[in-house]
PDB file of N, CA and C in Angstrom:
ATOM      1  N   UNK A   1      59.902 159.271 108.659  1.00  0.00           N
ATOM      2  CA  UNK A   1      60.899 158.718 109.486  1.00  0.00           C
ATOM      3  C   UNK A   1      62.019 157.588 108.551  1.00  0.00           C
ATOM      4  N   UNK A   2      61.772 157.514 107.476  1.00  0.00           N
ATOM      5  CA  UNK A   2      62.499 156.511 106.624  1.00  0.00           C
ATOM      6  C   UNK A   2      63.637 157.650 105.947  1.00  0.00           C
ATOM      7  N   UNK A   3      63.001 158.907 105.710  1.00  0.00           N
ATOM      8  CA  UNK A   3      63.914 159.807 104.958  1.00  0.00           C
ATOM      9  C   UNK A   3      64.998 160.121 106.103  1.00  0.00           C
ATOM     10  N   UNK A   4      64.711 160.345 107.309  1.00  0.00           N
ATOM     11  CA  UNK A   4      65.818 160.736 108.336  1.00  0.00           C
ATOM     12  C   UNK A   4      66.558 159.703 108.455  1.00  0.00           C
ATOM     13  N   UNK A   5      66.081 158.235 108.410  1.00  0.00           N
ATOM     14  CA  UNK A   5      66.977 157.170 108.537  1.00  0.00           C
ATOM     15  C   UNK A   5      68.222 157.062 107.316  1.00  0.00           C
ATOM     16  N   UNK A   6      67.467 157.257 105.972  1.00  0.00           N
ATOM     17  CA  UNK A   6      68.557 157.405 104.897  1.00  0.00           C
ATOM     18  C   UNK A   6      69.318 158.550 105.068  1.00  0.00           C
ATOM     19  N   UNK A   7      68.953 159.692 105.556  1.00  0.00           N
ATOM     20  CA  UNK A   7      70.089 160.653 105.491  1.00  0.00           C
ATOM     21  C   UNK A   7      71.334 160.585 106.494  1.00  0.00           C
ATOM     22  N   UNK A   8      70.760 159.863 107.524  1.00  0.00           N
ATOM     23  CA  UNK A   8      71.772 159.371 108.527  1.00  0.00           C
ATOM     24  C   UNK A   8      72.738 158.327 107.988  1.00  0.00           C
ATOM     25  N   UNK A   9      72.303 157.478 106.935  1.00  0.00           N
ATOM     26  CA  UNK A   9      73.276 156.482 106.506  1.00  0.00           C
ATOM     27  C   UNK A   9      74.146 157.155 105.275  1.00  0.00           C
ATOM     28  N   UNK A  10      73.526 158.083 104.578  1.00  0.00           N
ATOM     29  CA  UNK A  10      74.151 158.602 103.717  1.00  0.00           C
ATOM     30  C   UNK A  10      75.088 159.295 104.118  1.00  0.00           C
ATOM     31  N   UNK A  11      74.797 160.147 105.397  1.00  0.00           N
ATOM     32  CA  UNK A  11      76.046 161.051 105.951  1.00  0.00           C
ATOM     33  C   UNK A  11      77.070 160.319 106.730  1.00  0.00           C
ATOM     34  N   UNK A  12      76.610 158.965 106.980  1.00  0.00           N
ATOM     35  CA  UNK A  12      77.778 157.975 107.355  1.00  0.00           C
ATOM     36  C   UNK A  12      78.687 157.714 106.344  1.00  0.00           C
ATOM     37  N   UNK A  13      78.217 157.352 105.280  1.00  0.00           N
ATOM     38  CA  UNK A  13      79.215 157.263 104.364  1.00  0.00           C
ATOM     39  C   UNK A  13      80.103 158.444 103.568  1.00  0.00           C
ATOM     40  N   UNK A  14      79.449 159.477 103.707  1.00  0.00           N
ATOM     41  CA  UNK A  14      80.185 160.575 103.471  1.00  0.00           C
ATOM     42  C   UNK A  14      81.509 161.071 104.641  1.00  0.00           C
ATOM     43  N   UNK A  15      80.543 160.727 106.050  1.00  0.00           N
ATOM     44  CA  UNK A  15      81.773 160.901 106.978  1.00  0.00           C
ATOM     45  C   UNK A  15      83.109 159.887 106.964  1.00  0.00           C
ATOM     46  N   UNK A  16      82.819 158.762 106.501  1.00  0.00           N
ATOM     47  CA  UNK A  16      83.423 157.788 106.267  1.00  0.00           C
ATOM     48  C   UNK A  16      84.867 157.945 105.360  1.00  0.00           C
ATOM     49  N   UNK A  17      84.109 158.534 104.170  1.00  0.00           N
ATOM     50  CA  UNK A  17      85.107 159.079 103.121  1.00  0.00           C
ATOM     51  C   UNK A  17      86.046 160.211 103.663  1.00  0.00           C
ATOM     52  N   UNK A  18      85.539 161.199 104.262  1.00  0.00           N
ATOM     53  CA  UNK A  18      86.373 161.988 105.002  1.00  0.00           C
ATOM     54  C   UNK A  18      87.175 161.942 105.972  1.00  0.00           C
ATOM     55  N   UNK A  19      87.037 160.809 106.737  1.00  0.00           N
ATOM     56  CA  UNK A  19      87.697 160.237 107.878  1.00  0.00           C
ATOM     57  C   UNK A  19      89.235 159.377 107.300  1.00  0.00           C
ATOM     58  N   UNK A  20      89.091 159.232 105.835  1.00  0.00           N
ATOM     59  CA  UNK A  20      90.038 158.180 105.575  1.00  0.00           C
ATOM     60  C   UNK A  20      91.382 159.225 105.610  1.00  0.00           C
ATOM     61  N   UNK A  21      92.468 158.514 106.348  1.00  0.00           N
ATOM     62  CA  UNK A  21      93.608 159.467 106.468  1.00  0.00           C
ATOM     63  C   UNK A  21      94.186 159.746 105.040  1.00  0.00           C
ATOM     64  N   UNK A  22      94.560 160.802 104.717  1.00  0.00           N
ATOM     65  CA  UNK A  22      95.244 161.354 103.445  1.00  0.00           C
ATOM     66  C   UNK A  22      94.177 161.530 102.389  1.00  0.00           C
ATOM     67  N   UNK A  23      93.195 160.875 102.252  1.00  0.00           N
ATOM     68  CA  UNK A  23      92.441 160.977 101.164  1.00  0.00           C
ATOM     69  C   UNK A  23      91.494 161.978 101.541  1.00  0.00           C
ATOM     70  N   UNK A  24      90.876 161.999 102.484  1.00  0.00           N
ATOM     71  CA  UNK A  24      89.622 162.732 103.265  1.00  0.00           C
ATOM     72  C   UNK A  24      90.445 164.106 103.678  1.00  0.00           C
ATOM     73  N   UNK A  25      91.277 164.085 104.004  1.00  0.00           N
ATOM     74  CA  UNK A  25      91.974 165.296 104.303  1.00  0.00           C
ATOM     75  C   UNK A  25      92.430 166.134 103.037  1.00  0.00           C
ATOM     76  N   UNK A  26      92.813 165.463 102.123  1.00  0.00           N
ATOM     77  CA  UNK A  26      93.561 166.015 100.756  1.00  0.00           C
ATOM     78  C   UNK A  26      92.020 166.440 100.187  1.00  0.00           C
ATOM     79  N   UNK A  27      91.109 165.628 100.128  1.00  0.00           N
ATOM     80  CA  UNK A  27      89.931 166.262  99.485  1.00  0.00           C
ATOM     81  C   UNK A  27      89.338 167.556 100.000  1.00  0.00           C
ATOM     82  N   UNK A  28      89.350 167.324 101.335  1.00  0.00           N
ATOM     83  CA  UNK A  28      88.883 168.602 101.961  1.00  0.00           C
ATOM     84  C   UNK A  28      89.824 169.873 101.561  1.00  0.00           C
ATOM     85  N   UNK A  29      90.995 169.748 101.779  1.00  0.00           N
ATOM     86  CA  UNK A  29      92.037 170.819 101.362  1.00  0.00           C
ATOM     87  C   UNK A  29      92.170 171.253  99.780  1.00  0.00           C
ATOM     88  N   UNK A  30      91.831 170.387  99.052  1.00  0.00           N
ATOM     89  CA  UNK A  30      91.736 170.563  97.457  1.00  0.00           C
ATOM     90  C   UNK A  30      90.570 171.464  97.185  1.00  0.00           C
ATOM     91  N   UNK A  31      89.517 171.270  97.769  1.00  0.00           N
ATOM     92  CA  UNK A  31      88.472 171.939  97.696  1.00  0.00           C
ATOM     93  C   UNK A  31      88.124 173.229  98.634  1.00  0.00           C
ATOM     94  N   UNK A  32      89.136 173.594  99.490  1.00  0.00           N
ATOM     95  CA  UNK A  32      89.454 174.648 100.341  1.00  0.00           C
ATOM     96  C   UNK A  32      87.934 174.770 101.543  1.00  0.00           C
ATOM     97  N   UNK A  33      88.167 173.384 101.867  1.00  0.00           N
ATOM     98  CA  UNK A  33      87.282 173.175 102.948  1.00  0.00           C
ATOM     99  C   UNK A  33      85.695 173.310 102.727  1.00  0.00           C
ATOM    100  N   UNK A  34      85.440 173.406 101.509  1.00  0.00           N
ATOM    101  CA  UNK A  34      83.909 173.502 100.991  1.00  0.00           C
ATOM    102  C   UNK A  34      83.259 172.261 101.405  1.00  0.00           C
ATOM    103  N   UNK A  35      83.860 171.008 101.455  1.00  0.00           N
ATOM    104  CA  UNK A  35      83.082 169.899 101.856  1.00  0.00           C
ATOM    105  C   UNK A  35      82.528 169.732 103.529  1.00  0.00           C
ATOM    106  N   UNK A  36      83.596 170.736 104.231  1.00  0.00           N
ATOM    107  CA  UNK A  36      83.110 170.848 105.556  1.00  0.00           C
ATOM    108  C   UNK A  36      81.970 171.516 105.780  1.00  0.00           C
ATOM    109  N   UNK A  37      81.755 172.536 105.105  1.00  0.00           N
ATOM    110  CA  UNK A  37      80.751 173.442 104.918  1.00  0.00           C
ATOM    111  C   UNK A  37      79.352 172.694 104.434  1.00  0.00           C
ATOM    112  N   UNK A  38      79.707 172.042 103.169  1.00  0.00           N
ATOM    113  CA  UNK A  38      78.802 171.155 102.782  1.00  0.00           C
ATOM    114  C   UNK A  38      77.853 170.103 103.700  1.00  0.00           C
ATOM    115  N   UNK A  39      78.898 169.410 104.462  1.00  0.00           N
ATOM    116  CA  UNK A  39      78.649 168.539 105.439  1.00  0.00           C
ATOM    117  C   UNK A  39      77.683 169.112 106.645  1.00  0.00           C
ATOM    118  N   UNK A  40      78.255 170.506 107.110  1.00  0.00           N
ATOM    119  CA  UNK A  40      77.546 171.061 108.141  1.00  0.00           C
ATOM    120  C   UNK A  40      75.903 171.276 107.643  1.00  0.00           C
ATOM    121  N   UNK A  41      75.767 171.681 106.635  1.00  0.00           N
ATOM    122  CA  UNK A  41      74.302 172.069 106.169  1.00  0.00           C
ATOM    123  C   UNK A  41      73.662 170.572 105.901  1.00  0.00           C
ATOM    124  N   UNK A  42      74.424 169.767 105.644  1.00  0.00           N
ATOM    125  CA  UNK A  42      74.020 168.496 105.500  1.00  0.00           C
ATOM    126  C   UNK A  42      73.333 167.874 106.927  1.00  0.00           C
ATOM    127  N   UNK A  43      73.995 167.819 107.571  1.00  0.00           N
ATOM    128  CA  UNK A  43      73.850 167.443 108.986  1.00  0.00           C
ATOM    129  C   UNK A  43      72.758 168.187 109.793  1.00  0.00           C
ATOM    130  N   UNK A  44      72.865 169.691 109.426  1.00  0.00           N
ATOM    131  CA  UNK A  44      71.651 170.454 110.022  1.00  0.00           C
ATOM    132  C   UNK A  44      70.295 170.079 109.539  1.00  0.00           C
ATOM    133  N   UNK A  45      70.227 169.684 108.219  1.00  0.00           N
ATOM    134  CA  UNK A  45      68.940 169.260 107.526  1.00  0.00           C
ATOM    135  C   UNK A  45      68.650 167.878 108.081  1.00  0.00           C
ATOM    136  N   UNK A  46      69.625 166.809 108.431  1.00  0.00           N
ATOM    137  CA  UNK A  46      69.062 165.755 108.856  1.00  0.00           C
ATOM    138  C   UNK A  46      68.847 165.759 110.124  1.00  0.00           C
ATOM    139  N   UNK A  47      69.420 166.770 111.156  1.00  0.00           N
ATOM    140  CA  UNK A  47      68.963 167.068 112.609  1.00  0.00           C
ATOM    141  C   UNK A  47      67.657 167.661 112.332  1.00  0.00           C
ATOM    142  N   UNK A  48      67.276 168.472 111.656  1.00  0.00           N
ATOM    143  CA  UNK A  48      65.924 169.055 111.623  1.00  0.00           C
ATOM    144  C   UNK A  48      64.994 167.959 111.191  1.00  0.00           C
ATOM    145  N   UNK A  49      64.987 167.001 110.252  1.00  0.00           N
ATOM    146  CA  UNK A  49      64.161 166.062 109.924  1.00  0.00           C
ATOM    147  C   UNK A  49      63.929 164.900 111.028  1.00  0.00           C
ATOM    148  N   UNK A  50      65.112 164.837 111.689  1.00  0.00           N
ATOM    149  CA  UNK A  50      65.059 163.753 113.088  1.00  0.00           C
ATOM    150  C   UNK A  50      64.136 164.262 114.135  1.00  0.00           C
ATOM    151  N   UNK A  51      64.469 165.726 114.229  1.00  0.00           N
ATOM    152  CA  UNK A  51      63.952 166.191 115.265  1.00  0.00           C
ATOM    153  C   UNK A  51      62.161 166.359 114.970  1.00  0.00           C
ATOM    154  N   UNK A  52      62.037 166.673 114.008  1.00  0.00           N
ATOM    155  CA  UNK A  52      60.411 166.744 113.440  1.00  0.00           C
ATOM    156  C   UNK A  52      59.933 165.231 113.722  1.00  0.00           C
ATOM    157  N   UNK A  53      60.609 164.008 113.546  1.00  0.00           N
ATOM    158  CA  UNK A  53      60.160 162.920 113.431  1.00  0.00           C
ATOM    159  C   UNK A  53      60.435 162.178 114.637  1.00  0.00           C
ATOM    160  N   UNK A  54      60.598 163.021 116.013  1.00  0.00           N
ATOM    161  CA  UNK A  54      61.013 162.519 117.360  1.00  0.00           C
ATOM    162  C   UNK A  54      61.906 161.341 117.628  1.00  0.00           C
ATOM    163  N   UNK A  55      62.805 161.533 116.608  1.00  0.00           N
ATOM    164  CA  UNK A  55      64.195 160.704 116.502  1.00  0.00           C
ATOM    165  C   UNK A  55      65.384 161.104 117.181  1.00  0.00           C
ATOM    166  N   UNK A  56      66.077 159.997 117.736  1.00  0.00           N
ATOM    167  CA  UNK A  56      67.441 160.415 118.035  1.00  0.00           C
ATOM    168  C   UNK A  56      68.110 161.537 117.472  1.00  0.00           C
ATOM    169  N   UNK A  57      68.807 162.461 117.943  1.00  0.00           N
ATOM    170  CA  UNK A  57      69.544 163.459 117.250  1.00  0.00           C
ATOM    171  C   UNK A  57      71.057 163.342 117.390  1.00  0.00           C
ATOM    172  N   UNK A  58      71.539 162.181 118.047  1.00  0.00           N
ATOM    173  CA  UNK A  58      73.064 162.379 118.480  1.00  0.00           C
ATOM    174  C   UNK A  58      74.015 162.220 117.479  1.00  0.00           C
ATOM    175  N   UNK A  59      73.353 161.178 116.336  1.00  0.00           N
ATOM    176  CA  UNK A  59      74.302 161.219 115.120  1.00  0.00           C
ATOM    177  C   UNK A  59      74.623 162.509 114.492  1.00  0.00           C
ATOM    178  N   UNK A  60      73.353 163.163 114.070  1.00  0.00           N
ATOM    179  CA  UNK A  60      73.658 164.573 113.263  1.00  0.00           C
ATOM    180  C   UNK A  60      74.295 165.675 114.120  1.00  0.00           C
ATOM    181  N   UNK A  61      74.045 165.498 115.263  1.00  0.00           N
ATOM    182  CA  UNK A  61      74.765 166.764 116.164  1.00  0.00           C
ATOM    183  C   UNK A  61      76.185 166.201 116.244  1.00  0.00           C
ATOM    184  N   UNK A  62      76.525 165.069 116.491  1.00  0.00           N
ATOM    185  CA  UNK A  62      78.124 164.821 116.371  1.00  0.00           C
ATOM    186  C   UNK A  62      78.506 164.983 114.854  1.00  0.00           C
ATOM    187  N   UNK A  63      77.773 164.892 113.888  1.00  0.00           N
ATOM    188  CA  UNK A  63      78.044 165.311 112.601  1.00  0.00           C
ATOM    189  C   UNK A  63      78.486 166.688 112.409  1.00  0.00           C
ATOM    190  N   UNK A  64      77.799 167.734 113.200  1.00  0.00           N
ATOM    191  CA  UNK A  64      77.824 169.269 113.137  1.00  0.00           C
ATOM    192  C   UNK A  64      79.141 169.280 113.746  1.00  0.00           C
ATOM    193  N   UNK A  65      79.499 168.919 114.748  1.00  0.00           N
ATOM    194  CA  UNK A  65      80.689 168.820 115.650  1.00  0.00           C
ATOM    195  C   UNK A  65      81.958 168.669 114.820  1.00  0.00           C
ATOM    196  N   UNK A  66      81.687 167.308 114.204  1.00  0.00           N
ATOM    197  CA  UNK A  66      82.970 167.102 113.291  1.00  0.00           C
ATOM    198  C   UNK A  66      83.028 168.008 112.070  1.00  0.00           C
ATOM    199  N   UNK A  67      81.940 168.691 111.460  1.00  0.00           N
ATOM    200  CA  UNK A  67      82.306 169.494 110.277  1.00  0.00           C
ATOM    201  C   UNK A  67      82.540 170.829 110.640  1.00  0.00           C
ATOM    202  N   UNK A  68      82.183 171.318 112.074  1.00  0.00           N
ATOM    203  CA  UNK A  68      82.862 172.687 112.733  1.00  0.00           C
ATOM    204  C   UNK A  68      84.191 172.141 113.084  1.00  0.00           C
ATOM    205  N   UNK A  69      84.860 171.439 113.463  1.00  0.00           N
ATOM    206  CA  UNK A  69      85.909 171.227 113.938  1.00  0.00           C
ATOM    207  C   UNK A  69      86.899 170.353 112.927  1.00  0.00           C
ATOM    208  N   UNK A  70      86.480 169.932 112.068  1.00  0.00           N
ATOM    209  CA  UNK A  70      87.112 169.108 110.990  1.00  0.00           C
ATOM    210  C   UNK A  70      88.410 169.474 110.230  1.00  0.00           C
ATOM    211  N   UNK A  71      88.442 171.022 110.330  1.00  0.00           N
ATOM    212  CA  UNK A  71      89.683 171.683 109.722  1.00  0.00           C
ATOM    213  C   UNK A  71      90.963 171.371 110.883  1.00  0.00           C
ATOM    214  N   UNK A  72      90.534 170.974 111.985  1.00  0.00           N
ATOM    215  CA  UNK A  72      91.765 170.520 112.609  1.00  0.00           C
ATOM    216  C   UNK A  72      92.479 169.103 112.626  1.00  0.00           C
ATOM    217  N   UNK A  73      93.602 169.161 111.968  1.00  0.00           N
ATOM    218  CA  UNK A  73      94.008 167.955 111.237  1.00  0.00           C
ATOM    219  C   UNK A  73      93.914 166.431 111.870  1.00  0.00           C
ATOM    220  N   UNK A  74      94.253 166.196 112.846  1.00  0.00           N
ATOM    221  CA  UNK A  74      94.198 164.827 113.480  1.00  0.00           C
ATOM    222  C   UNK A  74      92.944 165.027 114.334  1.00  0.00           C
ATOM    223  N   UNK A  75      92.625 165.656 114.845  1.00  0.00           N
ATOM    224  CA  UNK A  75      91.189 166.072 115.778  1.00  0.00           C
ATOM    225  C   UNK A  75      89.851 165.802 114.585  1.00  0.00           C
ATOM    226  N   UNK A  76      90.077 166.432 113.529  1.00  0.00           N
ATOM    227  CA  UNK A  76      89.120 166.115 112.274  1.00  0.00           C
ATOM    228  C   UNK A  76      88.971 164.730 112.183  1.00  0.00           C
ATOM    229  N   UNK A  77      89.983 164.204 111.775  1.00  0.00           N
ATOM    230  CA  UNK A  77      89.811 162.814 111.221  1.00  0.00           C
ATOM    231  C   UNK A  77      89.290 162.088 112.312  1.00  0.00           C
ATOM    232  N   UNK A  78      89.741 161.931 113.754  1.00  0.00           N
ATOM    233  CA  UNK A  78      88.777 161.237 114.144  1.00  0.00           C
ATOM    234  C   UNK A  78      87.569 161.780 114.869  1.00  0.00           C
ATOM    235  N   UNK A  79      87.296 162.909 114.710  1.00  0.00           N
ATOM    236  CA  UNK A  79      85.644 163.439 114.557  1.00  0.00           C
ATOM    237  C   UNK A  79      85.084 162.713 113.747  1.00  0.00           C
ATOM    238  N   UNK A  80      85.725 162.843 112.364  1.00  0.00           N
ATOM    239  CA  UNK A  80      84.820 161.949 111.138  1.00  0.00           C
ATOM    240  C   UNK A  80      84.789 160.661 111.310  1.00  0.00           C
ATOM    241  N   UNK A  81      85.590 159.970 112.138  1.00  0.00           N
ATOM    242  CA  UNK A  81      85.359 158.606 112.148  1.00  0.00           C
ATOM    243  C   UNK A  81      84.176 158.476 113.828  1.00  0.00           C
ATOM    244  N   UNK A  82      84.276 159.147 114.429  1.00  0.00           N
ATOM    245  CA  UNK A  82      83.174 159.220 115.528  1.00  0.00           C
ATOM    246  C   UNK A  82      81.988 159.309 114.686  1.00  0.00           C
ATOM    247  N   UNK A  83      81.878 160.272 113.942  1.00  0.00           N
ATOM    248  CA  UNK A  83      80.520 160.717 113.285  1.00  0.00           C
ATOM    249  C   UNK A  83      80.189 159.776 112.469  1.00  0.00           C
ATOM    250  N   UNK A  84      80.804 159.011 111.580  1.00  0.00           N
ATOM    251  CA  UNK A  84      80.672 157.881 111.026  1.00  0.00           C
ATOM    252  C   UNK A  84      79.915 156.744 111.621  1.00  0.00           C
ATOM    253  N   UNK A  85      80.547 156.252 112.874  1.00  0.00           N
ATOM    254  CA  UNK A  85      80.204 155.271 113.596  1.00  0.00           C
ATOM    255  C   UNK A  85      78.808 155.555 114.083  1.00  0.00           C
ATOM    256  N   UNK A  86      78.783 156.749 114.750  1.00  0.00           N
ATOM    257  CA  UNK A  86      77.515 157.361 115.348  1.00  0.00           C
ATOM    258  C   UNK A  86      76.216 157.327 114.232  1.00  0.00           C
ATOM    259  N   UNK A  87      76.608 157.890 113.233  1.00  0.00           N
ATOM    260  CA  UNK A  87      75.435 158.198 112.172  1.00  0.00           C
ATOM    261  C   UNK A  87      74.919 156.637 111.723  1.00  0.00           C
ATOM    262  N   UNK A  88      76.030 155.850 111.439  1.00  0.00           N
ATOM    263  CA  UNK A  88      75.623 154.562 111.122  1.00  0.00           C
ATOM    264  C   UNK A  88      74.879 153.803 111.890  1.00  0.00           C
ATOM    265  N   UNK A  89      75.123 153.794 113.150  1.00  0.00           N
ATOM    266  CA  UNK A  89      74.357 153.014 114.297  1.00  0.00           C
ATOM    267  C   UNK A  89      73.179 153.777 114.471  1.00  0.00           C
ATOM    268  N   UNK A  90      72.776 155.128 114.377  1.00  0.00           N
ATOM    269  CA  UNK A  90      71.650 155.767 114.665  1.00  0.00           C
ATOM    270  C   UNK A  90      70.963 155.728 113.402  1.00  0.00           C
ATOM    271  N   UNK A  91      71.203 155.566 112.343  1.00  0.00           N
ATOM    272  CA  UNK A  91      70.651 155.676 110.859  1.00  0.00           C
ATOM    273  C   UNK A  91      70.062 154.155 110.988  1.00  0.00           C
ATOM    274  N   UNK A  92      70.753 153.086 111.416  1.00  0.00           N
ATOM    275  CA  UNK A  92      70.164 151.667 111.203  1.00  0.00           C
ATOM    276  C   UNK A  92      69.108 151.651 112.374  1.00  0.00           C
ATOM    277  N   UNK A  93      69.224 152.185 113.426  1.00  0.00           N
ATOM    278  CA  UNK A  93      68.112 152.016 114.605  1.00  0.00           C
ATOM    279  C   UNK A  93      67.074 152.745 114.218  1.00  0.00           C
ATOM    280  N   UNK A  94      67.205 153.821 113.426  1.00  0.00           N
ATOM    281  CA  UNK A  94      66.050 154.526 112.672  1.00  0.00           C
ATOM    282  C   UNK A  94      65.255 153.698 111.947  1.00  0.00           C
ATOM    283  N   UNK A  95      66.277 153.208 110.610  1.00  0.00           N
ATOM    284  CA  UNK A  95      65.334 152.396 109.887  1.00  0.00           C
ATOM    285  C   UNK A  95      64.767 151.008 110.414  1.00  0.00           C
ATOM    286  N   UNK A  96      64.995 150.272 111.467  1.00  0.00           N
ATOM    287  CA  UNK A  96      64.946 149.467 112.296  1.00  0.00           C
ATOM    288  C   UNK A  96      63.652 149.850 113.017  1.00  0.00           C
ATOM    289  N   UNK A  97      63.594 150.876 113.687  1.00  0.00           N
ATOM    290  CA  UNK A  97      62.114 151.476 114.448  1.00  0.00           C
ATOM    291  C   UNK A  97      61.432 151.674 113.618  1.00  0.00           C
ATOM    292  N   UNK A  98      61.432 152.218 112.190  1.00  0.00           N
ATOM    293  CA  UNK A  98      60.495 152.132 111.173  1.00  0.00           C
ATOM    294  C   UNK A  98      59.823 150.676 110.826  1.00  0.00           C
ATOM    295  N   UNK A  99      60.741 150.047 110.358  1.00  0.00           N
ATOM    296  CA  UNK A  99      60.445 148.603 110.247  1.00  0.00           C
ATOM    297  C   UNK A  99      59.507 147.960 111.386  1.00  0.00           C
ATOM    298  N   UNK A 100      60.200 148.216 112.801  1.00  0.00           N
ATOM    299  CA  UNK A 100      59.177 147.683 113.596  1.00  0.00           C
ATOM    300  C   UNK A 100      57.743 148.176 113.929  1.00  0.00           C
ATOM    301  N   UNK A 101      57.442 149.732 113.542  1.00  0.00           N
ATOM    302  CA  UNK A 101      56.250 150.369 113.644  1.00  0.00           C
ATOM    303  C   UNK A 101      55.648 149.740 112.604  1.00  0.00           C
ATOM    304  N   UNK A 102      56.031 149.512 111.541  1.00  0.00           N
ATOM    305  CA  UNK A 102      55.371 149.055 110.322  1.00  0.00           C
ATOM    306  C   UNK A 102      54.822 147.510 110.584  1.00  0.00           C
ATOM    307  N   UNK A 103      55.759 146.842 110.885  1.00  0.00           N
ATOM    308  CA  UNK A 103      55.306 145.575 111.298  1.00  0.00           C
ATOM    309  C   UNK A 103      54.108 145.227 112.213  1.00  0.00           C
ATOM    310  N   UNK A 104      54.198 146.147 113.491  1.00  0.00           N
ATOM    311  CA  UNK A 104      53.277 146.150 114.583  1.00  0.00           C
ATOM    312  C   UNK A 104      52.034 146.917 114.028  1.00  0.00           C
ATOM    313  N   UNK A 105      52.227 147.566 113.095  1.00  0.00           N
ATOM    314  CA  UNK A 105      50.845 148.113 112.524  1.00  0.00           C
ATOM    315  C   UNK A 105      49.996 147.014 111.602  1.00  0.00           C
ATOM    316  N   UNK A 106      50.715 146.244 110.959  1.00  0.00           N
ATOM    317  CA  UNK A 106      50.227 145.172 109.961  1.00  0.00           C
ATOM    318  C   UNK A 106      49.417 144.288 111.097  1.00  0.00           C
ATOM    319  N   UNK A 107      50.217 143.815 112.088  1.00  0.00           N
ATOM    320  CA  UNK A 107      49.841 142.678 112.974  1.00  0.00           C
ATOM    321  C   UNK A 107      48.476 143.227 113.630  1.00  0.00           C
TER     322      UNK A 107
END
């Protein structure tokens, strides 16, 4: 459970960088869209870990959408923002859920 939460938070950080106007787009263009391919694979791996643990998958799913449509200039930037927010919230909730189950098991 903790691995899925950490992957979601790392994904949120990467999406934050890719969503920065000018900088994220320039990075993607400079590397010939390979960051989008990397993020697609990263989000699929995160989705698999989340699904196997029975955790919410809405963060990685939005990340997959952002990675596949991220080549469209303005839409891609907005999707990276949305993926950042969703992955951040999803990752925090996942880690909090892990913390709650650990505290309940000890008590």
